[in-house]
Structure formats: structure tokens, C-alpha cells
C-alpha atoms as a PDB file:
ATOM      1  CA  MET A   1       0.000   0.000   0.000  1.00  0.00           C
ATOM      2  CA  ASN A   2       1.387   3.383  -0.995  1.00  0.00           C
ATOM      3  CA  ALA A   3       0.861   5.940   1.731  1.00  0.00           C
ATOM      4  CA  SER A   4       1.441   9.664   1.674  1.00  0.00           C
ATOM      5  CA  HIS A   5       1.563  11.755   4.807  1.00  0.00           C
ATOM      6  CA  LEU A   6       2.463  14.666   2.549  1.00  0.00           C
ATOM      7  CA  ALA A   7      -0.837  14.415   0.701  1.00  0.00           C
ATOM      8  CA  ALA A   8      -2.866  15.110   3.824  1.00  0.00           C
ATOM      9  CA  VAL A   9      -0.620  17.881   5.003  1.00  0.00           C
ATOM     10  CA  SER A  10      -0.585  19.544   1.582  1.00  0.00           C
ATOM     11  CA  ALA A  11      -4.359  19.436   1.373  1.00  0.00           C
ATOM     12  CA  ALA A  12      -4.692  21.129   4.747  1.00  0.00           C
ATOM     13  CA  VAL A  13      -2.124  23.760   3.859  1.00  0.00           C
ATOM     14  CA  LEU A  14      -3.801  24.553   0.533  1.00  0.00           C
ATOM     15  CA  ALA A  15      -7.207  24.880   2.169  1.00  0.00           C
ATOM     16  CA  ALA A  16      -5.838  27.055   4.938  1.00  0.00           C
ATOM     17  CA  SER A  17      -3.986  29.294   2.510  1.00  0.00           C
ATOM     18  CA  ALA A  18      -7.270  30.096   0.800  1.00  0.00           C
ATOM     19  CA  LEU A  19      -8.325  31.910   3.986  1.00  0.00           C
ATOM     20  CA  VAL A  20      -5.115  33.927   4.312  1.00  0.00           C
ATOM     21  CA  THR A  21      -4.894  37.422   2.873  1.00  0.00           C
ATOM     22  CA  PRO A  22      -1.954  39.816   2.572  1.00  0.00           C
ATOM     23  CA  ARG A  23      -3.489  41.787   5.446  1.00  0.00           C
ATOM     24  CA  ALA A  24      -3.448  38.668   7.603  1.00  0.00           C
ATOM     25  CA  LEU A  25       0.206  38.071   6.795  1.00  0.00           C
ATOM     26  CA  ALA A  26       1.008  41.654   7.704  1.00  0.00           C
ATOM     27  CA  ALA A  27      -0.712  41.111  11.048  1.00  0.00           C
ATOM     28  CA  ASN A  28       2.144  38.811  12.017  1.00  0.00           C
ATOM     29  CA  THR A  29       4.424  41.826  12.184  1.00  0.00           C
ATOM     30  CA  LEU A  30       1.946  44.666  12.702  1.00  0.00           C
ATOM     31  CA  PRO A  31      -0.534  43.803  15.487  1.00  0.00           C
ATOM     32  CA  THR A  32      -3.990  45.326  15.188  1.00  0.00           C
ATOM     33  CA  THR A  33      -6.566  45.905  17.907  1.00  0.00           C
ATOM     34  CA  ILE A  34      -9.396  44.407  15.870  1.00  0.00           C
ATOM     35  CA  PRO A  35      -9.132  41.184  13.833  1.00  0.00           C
ATOM     36  CA  SER A  36     -10.470  41.850  10.343  1.00  0.00           C
ATOM     37  CA  ILE A  37     -10.744  38.230   9.187  1.00  0.00           C
ATOM     38  CA  PRO A  38     -11.825  34.944  10.744  1.00  0.00           C
ATOM     39  CA  VAL A  39      -9.114  32.910  12.459  1.00  0.00           C
ATOM     40  CA  GLY A  40      -9.079  29.358  13.721  1.00  0.00           C
ATOM     41  CA  LEU A  41      -7.618  25.862  13.518  1.00  0.00           C
ATOM     42  CA  MET A  42      -7.657  23.286  10.729  1.00  0.00           C
ATOM     43  CA  SER A  43      -6.740  19.607  10.810  1.00  0.00           C
ATOM     44  CA  ALA A  44      -6.722  16.638   8.411  1.00  0.00           C
ATOM     45  CA  TYR A  45      -7.775  13.054   9.205  1.00  0.00           C
ATOM     46  CA  PRO A  46      -6.346  10.594   8.701  1.00  0.00           C
ATOM     47  CA  THR A  47      -2.866  12.054   8.548  1.00  0.00           C
ATOM     48  CA  ILE A  48      -1.714   9.097   6.452  1.00  0.00           C
ATOM     49  CA  VAL A  49      -3.826   8.166   3.417  1.00  0.00           C
ATOM     50  CA  GLN A  50      -3.546   6.002   0.347  1.00  0.00           C
ATOM     51  CA  THR A  51      -2.481   7.688  -2.851  1.00  0.00           C
ATOM     52  CA  GLY A  52      -5.525   8.945  -4.693  1.00  0.00           C
ATOM     53  CA  THR A  53      -7.744   9.260  -1.640  1.00  0.00           C
ATOM     54  CA  LYS A  54      -8.625  12.455   0.151  1.00  0.00           C
ATOM     55  CA  PRO A  55      -8.408  13.223   3.849  1.00  0.00           C
ATOM     56  CA  THR A  56     -11.275  14.739   5.778  1.00  0.00           C
ATOM     57  CA  LEU A  57     -10.605  18.346   6.713  1.00  0.00           C
ATOM     58  CA  THR A  58     -12.140  19.877   9.837  1.00  0.00           C
ATOM     59  CA  TRP A  59     -11.834  23.390  11.121  1.00  0.00           C
ATOM     60  CA  ASN A  60     -13.064  25.660  13.854  1.00  0.00           C
ATOM     61  CA  ILE A  61     -13.497  29.292  12.915  1.00  0.00           C
ATOM     62  CA  LEU A  62     -13.500  32.124  15.425  1.00  0.00           C
ATOM     63  CA  TYR A  63     -15.127  35.157  13.900  1.00  0.00           C
ATOM     64  CA  PRO A  64     -14.066  38.665  14.956  1.00  0.00           C
ATOM     65  CA  SER A  65     -15.843  39.799  18.106  1.00  0.00           C
ATOM     66  CA  LYS A  66     -17.197  43.252  18.780  1.00  0.00           C
ATOM     67  CA  VAL A  67     -18.670  44.845  21.846  1.00  0.00           C
ATOM     68  CA  SER A  68     -22.146  44.891  20.295  1.00  0.00           C
ATOM     69  CA  ASP A  69     -22.084  41.081  20.501  1.00  0.00           C
ATOM     70  CA  LEU A  70     -22.078  41.396  24.289  1.00  0.00           C
ATOM     71  CA  VAL A  71     -23.811  44.652  25.229  1.00  0.00           C
ATOM     72  CA  MET A  72     -26.212  47.272  23.938  1.00  0.00           C
ATOM     73  CA  ILE A  73     -25.677  51.010  24.445  1.00  0.00           C
ATOM     74  CA  ASN A  74     -28.687  53.239  24.981  1.00  0.00           C
ATOM     75  CA  PRO A  75     -27.589  56.812  24.157  1.00  0.00           C
ATOM     76  CA  PRO A  76     -26.121  58.786  25.611  1.00  0.00           C
ATOM     77  CA  GLY A  77     -24.459  55.976  27.496  1.00  0.00           C
ATOM     78  CA  THR A  78     -26.506  53.445  29.490  1.00  0.00           C
ATOM     79  CA  ILE A  79     -24.980  50.027  28.865  1.00  0.00           C
ATOM     80  CA  MET A  80     -26.999  46.801  28.998  1.00  0.00           C
ATOM     81  CA  PRO A  81     -25.394  43.353  28.586  1.00  0.00           C
ATOM     82  CA  SER A  82     -27.251  41.010  26.257  1.00  0.00           C
ATOM     83  CA  GLN A  83     -25.678  38.008  28.020  1.00  0.00           C
ATOM     84  CA  ASP A  84     -23.718  37.262  31.178  1.00  0.00           C
ATOM     85  CA  VAL A  85     -20.376  39.094  30.967  1.00  0.00           C
ATOM     86  CA  TYR A  86     -17.588  40.475  33.111  1.00  0.00           C
ATOM     87  CA  VAL A  87     -17.035  44.224  33.146  1.00  0.00           C
ATOM     88  CA  THR A  88     -13.816  46.039  34.011  1.00  0.00           C
ATOM     89  CA  VAL A  89     -13.537  49.811  34.519  1.00  0.00           C
ATOM     90  CA  GLN A  90     -10.322  51.841  34.364  1.00  0.00           C
ATOM     91  CA  ILE A  91      -9.747  55.586  34.432  1.00  0.00           C
ATOM     92  CA  VAL A  92      -7.893  57.097  31.486  1.00  0.00           C
ATOM     93  CA  GLY A  93      -7.526  60.650  32.749  1.00  0.00           C
ATOM     94  CA  THR A  94      -9.123  63.733  34.285  1.00  0.00           C
ATOM     95  CA  ASN A  95      -8.581  67.502  34.100  1.00  0.00           C
ATOM     96  CA  PRO A  96     -11.515  69.961  34.041  1.00  0.00           C
ATOM     97  CA  THR A  97      -9.084  72.921  33.988  1.00  0.00           C
ATOM     98  CA  THR A  98      -7.411  72.218  30.645  1.00  0.00           C
ATOM     99  CA  CYS A  99      -9.563  74.410  28.399  1.00  0.00           C
ATOM    100  CA  ASP A 100     -11.700  76.722  30.517  1.00  0.00           C
ATOM    101  CA  PRO A 101      -9.826  79.635  32.200  1.00  0.00           C
ATOM    102  CA  ALA A 102     -12.796  80.051  34.537  1.00  0.00           C
ATOM    103  CA  GLN A 103     -11.827  76.754  36.167  1.00  0.00           C
ATOM    104  CA  GLY A 104      -8.409  78.152  37.087  1.00  0.00           C
ATOM    105  CA  THR A 105      -5.086  76.382  36.707  1.00  0.00           C
ATOM    106  CA  THR A 106      -5.002  74.414  39.948  1.00  0.00           C
ATOM    107  CA  PRO A 107      -5.991  70.773  39.296  1.00  0.00           C
ATOM    108  CA  LEU A 108      -9.531  70.135  40.478  1.00  0.00           C
ATOM    109  CA  TYR A 109     -10.558  66.937  42.215  1.00  0.00           C
ATOM    110  CA  THR A 110     -12.988  64.894  40.174  1.00  0.00           C
ATOM    111  CA  ASP A 111     -15.337  62.107  41.156  1.00  0.00           C
ATOM    112  CA  ALA A 112     -16.216  59.145  38.897  1.00  0.00           C
ATOM    113  CA  ARG A 113     -19.155  56.948  39.825  1.00  0.00           C
ATOM    114  CA  LEU A 114     -21.014  53.884  38.589  1.00  0.00           C
ATOM    115  CA  LYS A 115     -24.566  52.700  39.121  1.00  0.00           C
ATOM    116  CA  LEU A 116     -25.702  49.114  38.598  1.00  0.00           C
ATOM    117  CA  ASN A 117     -29.388  48.745  37.784  1.00  0.00           C
ATOM    118  CA  THR A 118     -31.471  50.842  40.213  1.00  0.00           C
ATOM    119  CA  GLY A 119     -28.824  51.024  42.927  1.00  0.00           C
ATOM    120  CA  ASP A 120     -26.969  54.081  44.132  1.00  0.00           C
ATOM    121  CA  TYR A 121     -24.002  55.589  42.342  1.00  0.00           C
ATOM    122  CA  ILE A 122     -20.844  54.200  43.929  1.00  0.00           C
ATOM    123  CA  GLN A 123     -17.518  55.998  43.779  1.00  0.00           C
ATOM    124  CA  LEU A 124     -14.847  54.534  41.505  1.00  0.00           C
ATOM    125  CA  PHE A 125     -12.310  57.360  41.575  1.00  0.00           C
ATOM    126  CA  TYR A 126     -11.662  60.612  43.431  1.00  0.00           C
ATOM    127  CA  GLY A 127      -8.589  62.710  42.764  1.00  0.00           C
ATOM    128  CA  THR A 128      -6.643  64.668  40.176  1.00  0.00           C
ATOM    129  CA  GLN A 129      -4.610  63.550  37.182  1.00  0.00           C
ATOM    130  CA  THR A 130      -1.637  62.790  39.422  1.00  0.00           C
ATOM    131  CA  ASP A 131      -3.791  60.141  41.145  1.00  0.00           C
ATOM    132  CA  VAL A 132      -4.687  58.425  37.868  1.00  0.00           C
ATOM    133  CA  ASP A 133      -3.305  54.955  37.221  1.00  0.00           C
ATOM    134  CA  PRO A 134      -4.744  53.907  33.846  1.00  0.00           C
ATOM    135  CA  ALA A 135      -3.584  50.318  34.371  1.00  0.00           C
ATOM    136  CA  LYS A 136      -5.511  49.921  37.629  1.00  0.00           C
ATOM    137  CA  GLN A 137      -8.822  48.089  37.494  1.00  0.00           C
ATOM    138  CA  LEU A 138     -11.214  50.224  39.526  1.00  0.00           C
ATOM    139  CA  TYR A 139     -14.167  47.879  39.217  1.00  0.00           C
ATOM    140  CA  ILE A 140     -14.626  44.248  38.172  1.00  0.00           C
ATOM    141  CA  LYS A 141     -17.952  42.462  38.304  1.00  0.00           C
ATOM    142  CA  LYS A 142     -19.844  39.691  36.608  1.00  0.00           C
ATOM    143  CA  LEU A 143     -23.031  41.109  35.110  1.00  0.00           C
ATOM    144  CA  LYS A 144     -26.165  39.296  34.102  1.00  0.00           C
ATOM    145  CA  ALA A 145     -28.071  39.774  30.893  1.00  0.00           C
ATOM    146  CA  ASN A 146     -30.310  42.870  31.015  1.00  0.00           C
ATOM    147  CA  ASP A 147     -28.433  44.474  33.899  1.00  0.00           C
ATOM    148  CA  THR A 148     -27.825  48.174  33.300  1.00  0.00           C
ATOM    149  CA  ILE A 149     -24.699  50.216  34.006  1.00  0.00           C
ATOM    150  CA  ASP A 150     -24.581  53.998  34.164  1.00  0.00           C
ATOM    151  CA  PHE A 151     -21.641  56.305  34.816  1.00  0.00           C
ATOM    152  CA  SER A 152     -21.471  59.783  36.297  1.00  0.00           C
ATOM    153  CA  GLY A 153     -18.959  62.473  37.163  1.00  0.00           C
ATOM    154  CA  ARG A 154     -18.497  65.794  38.924  1.00  0.00           C
ATOM    155  CA  PHE A 155     -15.699  67.917  40.405  1.00  0.00           C
ATOM    156  CA  VAL A 156     -14.981  70.136  43.398  1.00  0.00           C
ATOM    157  CA  ARG A 157     -14.521  73.893  42.897  1.00  0.00           C
ATOM    158  CA  ASN A 158     -14.272  76.461  45.688  1.00  0.00           C
ATOM    159  CA  GLY A 159     -15.219  73.793  48.182  1.00  0.00           C
ATOM    160  CA  GLU A 160     -18.470  72.860  46.425  1.00  0.00           C
ATOM    161  CA  TRP A 161     -19.534  70.053  44.127  1.00  0.00           C
ATOM    162  CA  SER A 162     -20.384  70.792  40.529  1.00  0.00           C
ATOM    163  CA  PRO A 163     -23.600  69.204  39.186  1.00  0.00           C
ATOM    164  CA  LEU A 164     -23.477  65.414  38.857  1.00  0.00           C
ATOM    165  CA  TYR A 165     -23.799  64.518  35.183  1.00  0.00           C
ATOM    166  CA  THR A 166     -24.663  60.970  34.154  1.00  0.00           C
ATOM    167  CA  THR A 167     -25.011  58.774  31.106  1.00  0.00           C
ATOM    168  CA  LYS A 168     -28.736  59.437  31.399  1.00  0.00           C
ATOM    169  CA  ASN A 169     -28.346  63.215  31.074  1.00  0.00           C
ATOM    170  CA  ALA A 170     -30.439  64.548  28.179  1.00  0.00           C
ATOM    171  CA  ASN A 171     -27.779  67.148  27.334  1.00  0.00           C
ATOM    172  CA  PHE A 172     -25.287  64.379  26.522  1.00  0.00           C
ATOM    173  CA  GLN A 173     -22.788  65.518  29.140  1.00  0.00           C
ATOM    174  CA  VAL A 174     -21.528  61.933  29.468  1.00  0.00           C
ATOM    175  CA  VAL A 175     -21.374  59.687  26.406  1.00  0.00           C
ATOM    176  CA  ALA A 176     -20.343  56.104  25.683  1.00  0.00           C
ATOM    177  CA  LEU A 177     -18.464  55.531  22.427  1.00  0.00           C
ATOM    178  CA  VAL A 178     -17.146  52.388  20.765  1.00  0.00           C
ATOM    179  CA  ASN A 179     -14.267  51.865  18.392  1.00  0.00           C
ATOM    180  CA  GLY A 180     -14.617  53.880  15.188  1.00  0.00           C
ATOM    181  CA  GLN A 181     -17.038  56.495  16.523  1.00  0.00           C
ATOM    182  CA  THR A 182     -16.159  60.181  16.665  1.00  0.00           C
ATOM    183  CA  PRO A 183     -16.525  62.251  19.862  1.00  0.00           C
ATOM    184  CA  PRO A 184     -19.607  64.464  19.333  1.00  0.00           C
ATOM    185  CA  THR A 185     -17.845  67.817  19.719  1.00  0.00           C
ATOM    186  CA  SER A 186     -18.705  70.820  17.519  1.00  0.00           C
ATOM    187  CA  PHE A 187     -15.081  70.940  16.346  1.00  0.00           C
ATOM    188  CA  SER A 188     -12.298  68.520  15.430  1.00  0.00           C
ATOM    189  CA  LEU A 189     -11.192  67.399  18.868  1.00  0.00           C
ATOM    190  CA  TYR A 190      -8.177  65.455  17.627  1.00  0.00           C
ATOM    191  CA  GLN A 191      -6.846  68.603  15.930  1.00  0.00           C
ATOM    192  CA  SER A 192      -7.425  70.830  18.951  1.00  0.00           C
ATOM    193  CA  ALA A 193      -4.455  72.401  20.710  1.00  0.00           C
ATOM    194  CA  THR A 194      -6.110  71.489  24.005  1.00  0.00           C
ATOM    195  CA  LEU A 195      -6.422  67.767  23.255  1.00  0.00           C
ATOM    196  CA  ALA A 196      -5.440  66.066  26.507  1.00  0.00           C
ATOM    197  CA  ASN A 197      -2.357  63.865  26.378  1.00  0.00           C
ATOM    198  CA  TYR A 198      -4.237  61.083  28.169  1.00  0.00           C
ATOM    199  CA  LEU A 199      -6.967  61.023  25.506  1.00  0.00           C
ATOM    200  CA  ARG A 200      -4.644  61.327  22.497  1.00  0.00           C
ATOM    201  CA  PRO A 201      -3.722  57.586  22.340  1.00  0.00           C
ATOM    202  CA  TYR A 202      -7.420  56.705  22.224  1.00  0.00           C
ATOM    203  CA  LEU A 203      -8.057  58.632  18.991  1.00  0.00           C
ATOM    204  CA  ASP A 204      -6.707  57.714  15.564  1.00  0.00           C
ATOM    205  CA  SER A 205      -5.356  60.030  12.877  1.00  0.00           C
ATOM    206  CA  ALA A 206      -8.903  60.779  11.709  1.00  0.00           C
ATOM    207  CA  GLY A 207     -10.144  61.636  15.192  1.00  0.00           C
ATOM    208  CA  LYS A 208     -12.137  58.439  15.650  1.00  0.00           C
ATOM    209  CA  VAL A 209     -12.107  56.405  18.848  1.00  0.00           C
ATOM    210  CA  ASN A 210      -9.327  53.819  18.697  1.00  0.00           C
ATOM    211  CA  ILE A 211      -9.877  51.164  21.363  1.00  0.00           C
ATOM    212  CA  GLY A 212     -10.226  47.395  21.533  1.00  0.00           C
ATOM    213  CA  PRO A 213     -13.239  45.671  19.977  1.00  0.00           C
ATOM    214  CA  LEU A 214     -14.742  44.757  23.366  1.00  0.00           C
ATOM    215  CA  SER A 215     -14.280  48.147  25.032  1.00  0.00           C
ATOM    216  CA  VAL A 216     -16.334  51.303  25.492  1.00  0.00           C
ATOM    217  CA  LEU A 217     -14.881  54.781  26.063  1.00  0.00           C
ATOM    218  CA  ILE A 218     -16.800  56.981  28.521  1.00  0.00           C
ATOM    219  CA  LEU A 219     -16.231  60.700  27.866  1.00  0.00           C
ATOM    220  CA  MET A 220     -17.425  63.332  30.338  1.00  0.00           C
ATOM    221  CA  GLU A 221     -17.975  67.068  29.954  1.00  0.00           C
ATOM    222  CA  LEU A 222     -18.403  68.394  33.476  1.00  0.00           C
ATOM    223  CA  GLY A 223     -17.671  72.119  33.215  1.00  0.00           C
ATOM    224  CA  GLN A 224     -19.754  73.268  30.242  1.00  0.00           C
ATOM    225  CA  THR A 225     -23.379  72.882  29.208  1.00  0.00           C
ATOM    226  CA  SER A 226     -23.324  74.645  25.828  1.00  0.00           C
ATOM    227  CA  HIS A 227     -22.301  72.338  22.993  1.00  0.00           C
ATOM    228  CA  ALA A 228     -21.256  75.438  21.020  1.00  0.00           C
ATOM    229  CA  SER A 229     -18.509  76.222  23.515  1.00  0.00           C
ATOM    230  CA  PRO A 230     -14.976  75.342  22.353  1.00  0.00           C
ATOM    231  CA  CYS A 231     -14.485  73.933  25.845  1.00  0.00           C
ATOM    232  CA  PHE A 232     -17.309  71.412  25.497  1.00  0.00           C
ATOM    233  CA  ASP A 233     -14.687  68.814  24.640  1.00  0.00           C
ATOM    234  CA  TYR A 234     -15.564  65.686  26.635  1.00  0.00           C
ATOM    235  CA  GLN A 235     -12.159  65.539  28.308  1.00  0.00           C
ATOM    236  CA  ASP A 236     -12.953  66.434  31.912  1.00  0.00           C
ATOM    237  CA  GLN A 237     -12.978  62.762  32.851  1.00  0.00           C
ATOM    238  CA  VAL A 238     -12.441  59.687  30.688  1.00  0.00           C
ATOM    239  CA  LEU A 239     -13.059  56.031  31.584  1.00  0.00           C
ATOM    240  CA  LEU A 240     -12.365  52.819  29.707  1.00  0.00           C
ATOM    241  CA  VAL A 241     -14.921  50.024  30.145  1.00  0.00           C
ATOM    242  CA  THR A 242     -14.097  46.540  28.874  1.00  0.00           C
ATOM    243  CA  PHE A 243     -16.328  43.471  28.605  1.00  0.00           C
ATOM    244  CA  GLY A 244     -15.460  39.802  28.321  1.00  0.00           C
ATOM    245  CA  LYS A 245     -16.733  36.278  28.844  1.00  0.00           C
ATOM    246  CA  LYS A 246     -13.864  35.376  31.191  1.00  0.00           C
ATOM    247  CA  HIS A 247     -12.845  36.912  34.483  1.00  0.00           C
ATOM    248  CA  PRO A 248     -10.097  39.502  33.843  1.00  0.00           C
ATOM    249  CA  ASN A 249      -7.732  38.078  36.467  1.00  0.00           C
ATOM    250  CA  ASN A 250      -4.087  39.004  36.581  1.00  0.00           C
ATOM    251  CA  GLY A 251      -2.872  35.688  35.237  1.00  0.00           C
ATOM    252  CA  HIS A 252      -2.168  34.178  38.651  1.00  0.00           C
ATOM    253  CA  GLY A 253      -5.676  33.215  39.684  1.00  0.00           C
ATOM    254  CA  ASN A 254      -6.077  36.114  42.094  1.00  0.00           C
ATOM    255  CA  ASN A 255      -9.460  37.307  43.210  1.00  0.00           C
ATOM    256  CA  LEU A 256     -10.119  41.039  43.585  1.00  0.00           C
ATOM    257  CA  ASP A 257      -8.637  40.912  47.077  1.00  0.00           C
ATOM    258  CA  GLY A 258      -5.252  39.958  45.616  1.00  0.00           C
ATOM    259  CA  VAL A 259      -5.042  36.388  46.927  1.00  0.00           C
ATOM    260  CA  ASP A 260      -6.678  33.187  45.845  1.00  0.00           C
ATOM    261  CA  VAL A 261      -6.818  29.510  46.756  1.00  0.00           C
ATOM    262  CA  SER A 262      -5.864  28.692  43.171  1.00  0.00           C
ATOM    263  CA  ASN A 263      -2.380  30.195  43.475  1.00  0.00           C
ATOM    264  CA  PRO A 264      -0.046  27.246  42.886  1.00  0.00           C
ATOM    265  CA  GLY A 265       2.509  26.542  45.557  1.00  0.00           C
ATOM    266  CA  GLN A 266       1.061  29.024  48.022  1.00  0.00           C
ATOM    267  CA  GLY A 267      -0.893  26.578  50.162  1.00  0.00           C
ATOM    268  CA  GLY A 268      -4.166  28.300  49.435  1.00  0.00           C
ATOM    269  CA  GLY A 269      -3.011  31.734  50.500  1.00  0.00           C
ATOM    270  CA  GLY A 270      -1.557  34.777  48.827  1.00  0.00           C
ATOM    271  CA  PRO A 271       2.012  35.370  47.698  1.00  0.00           C
ATOM    272  CA  ASN A 272       2.987  36.532  51.190  1.00  0.00           C
ATOM    273  CA  GLY A 273       1.125  33.797  53.022  1.00  0.00           C
ATOM    274  CA  GLU A 274      -2.116  35.719  53.567  1.00  0.00           C
ATOM    275  CA  ILE A 275      -5.334  33.840  54.190  1.00  0.00           C
ATOM    276  CA  ASP A 276      -7.719  34.198  51.265  1.00  0.00           C
ATOM    277  CA  PRO A 277     -10.745  36.214  52.494  1.00  0.00           C
ATOM    278  CA  SER A 278     -12.673  35.043  49.427  1.00  0.00           C
ATOM    279  CA  GLY A 279     -12.567  31.489  50.651  1.00  0.00           C
ATOM    280  CA  ALA A 280     -12.852  28.840  47.978  1.00  0.00           C
ATOM    281  CA  ILE A 281     -14.000  31.197  45.220  1.00  0.00           C
ATOM    282  CA  ASP A 282     -11.671  30.705  42.286  1.00  0.00           C
ATOM    283  CA  ASP A 283     -11.859  33.329  39.572  1.00  0.00           C
ATOM    284  CA  GLU A 284     -10.268  30.921  37.135  1.00  0.00           C
ATOM    285  CA  ILE A 285     -13.518  28.952  36.915  1.00  0.00           C
ATOM    286  CA  ARG A 286     -16.338  31.250  38.033  1.00  0.00           C
END
């Protein structure tokens, strides 16, 4: 019996190459935030066949995901998951004084809040730009389908709070944008001399939002109410909200408290021997 392992392998390679484009090849050296083509795995069975026969090819295709697969956004910014998902919130930056001279030059303390369903707004962040750590996860929670999330912000000036503006505000003081959308300013924000350095990486060369496919950018205008004002620029406070089907742990099985029974070699405690206050809850599987 003549057998050819090469025949099966060649068939799989030829079939796979039909799905590869020059853009996909370029992706090997130039990473992109959003996959533009399906990706997946292909195999041939049997791997050894008689000459003249054909192997059976099987493949699993993972189509590009987008945030609209997981959540719906009710303008200006109420977010509602369409299935059970995890949400992570990070702060990108804050500075109500950048554009408006009336706000002064001293950094003003801002307050970022989140409301789940009909609950109260809980504080996620309070401070100035020097307190911002964009890598820090301010909030992580597993949401159920049809939950609602709203965000709000305000700042302190002359010892008093400014109005609290939310993603429910009819004047669109706080908006939720996804990748490819343009901030709804009356001017080209990305060409503005007052474009905040912390927001700049989140806009592309055309001024469109440039974030991951499963993220939402929350932009807040806290100091102005007139959309015609050149200072109505949605930069007073910026949050990044990311959704996913898996818990966004730090790669070591830690719960939000920083320790976890799943940490290998730690005897069920944290890296310094702490007792896990979350008990047997393992974020690797929940």
C-alpha cells in the first residue's frame, strides 16, 4: 500500500492558505486591535492516506468579536449586557481645567461613579490627574443579561460640588463611544491644541475612537453645558470600560482581594502567606 503523509498535510495547507490574505500576513508583524478576518484551527484526518484518496478536513473558525455582541448602548451611554459578561472599569484621565480659564489652573478633584441597575451611584475614583493609574482596574464584576450600568462624574470647585452629570443626562454631558465612533464635539477634537495627552492615544489620525473591539470609552464634559462652547470637549474625565466572557484576572488566579486559593505553591493563600478572604472562590472557573 502506498501511503502519503504529505498528501494530507498539503491538502490542509492549501485549504488554509485560501483563507489567508496579505493583510493577515502583515498582522504577524503589525498587530492590530481588531481582527479583520476569521481565524481558527484546521486539521486533516487521517494524517496518512492512500495515494488517490482524500483526507477529511475539519476546522473551527473564530469570527471577529465586537462589543455589540455582548452589550447594547442606549444613548447617551446606558450600557446593557445582552448576556452574562464580566465588566472592568479603568480611568484614562481627568482635568476639568485644561480648556476653561474660569476653572483656574489648579488641578480640580474629580469624582467618577457607577450605578448598577437601580442602585446608588458608587464611587470609583476621586482625585486629580496625578492620582490616575490607567492600568488599575477600579471595578470588576460579573453582570447578568439585562443588567444596566450607568456612569457619572463631577468635580470640586471652591469647596463645592459641581452638578453630577450621568449617562442618562439629556444634554449628553456623558457619552459612551465604541471603536470607530467620533466624539460628538462641535469641532475637530483630535486637531485641537487642548487635546489632553491622556486622551490622544485613544483617537486615531482621523479623530475616531481607537480602542479594543470589546471596550467602550466613557467621555465626560463636566464644566460646560453649551455644545457650542470650544471647551465642550468631553475631556474632563475619561473612563475605559471593557467586557469579556472570562474573568479579567491578573494571570495568577487572584481574586479582587489579591489572593486566591488557586495560586499554585502558596498553600491556598496569597504570595505573602495571607489567608484568602474570598474562601474557595476561584476566579479561574467562576
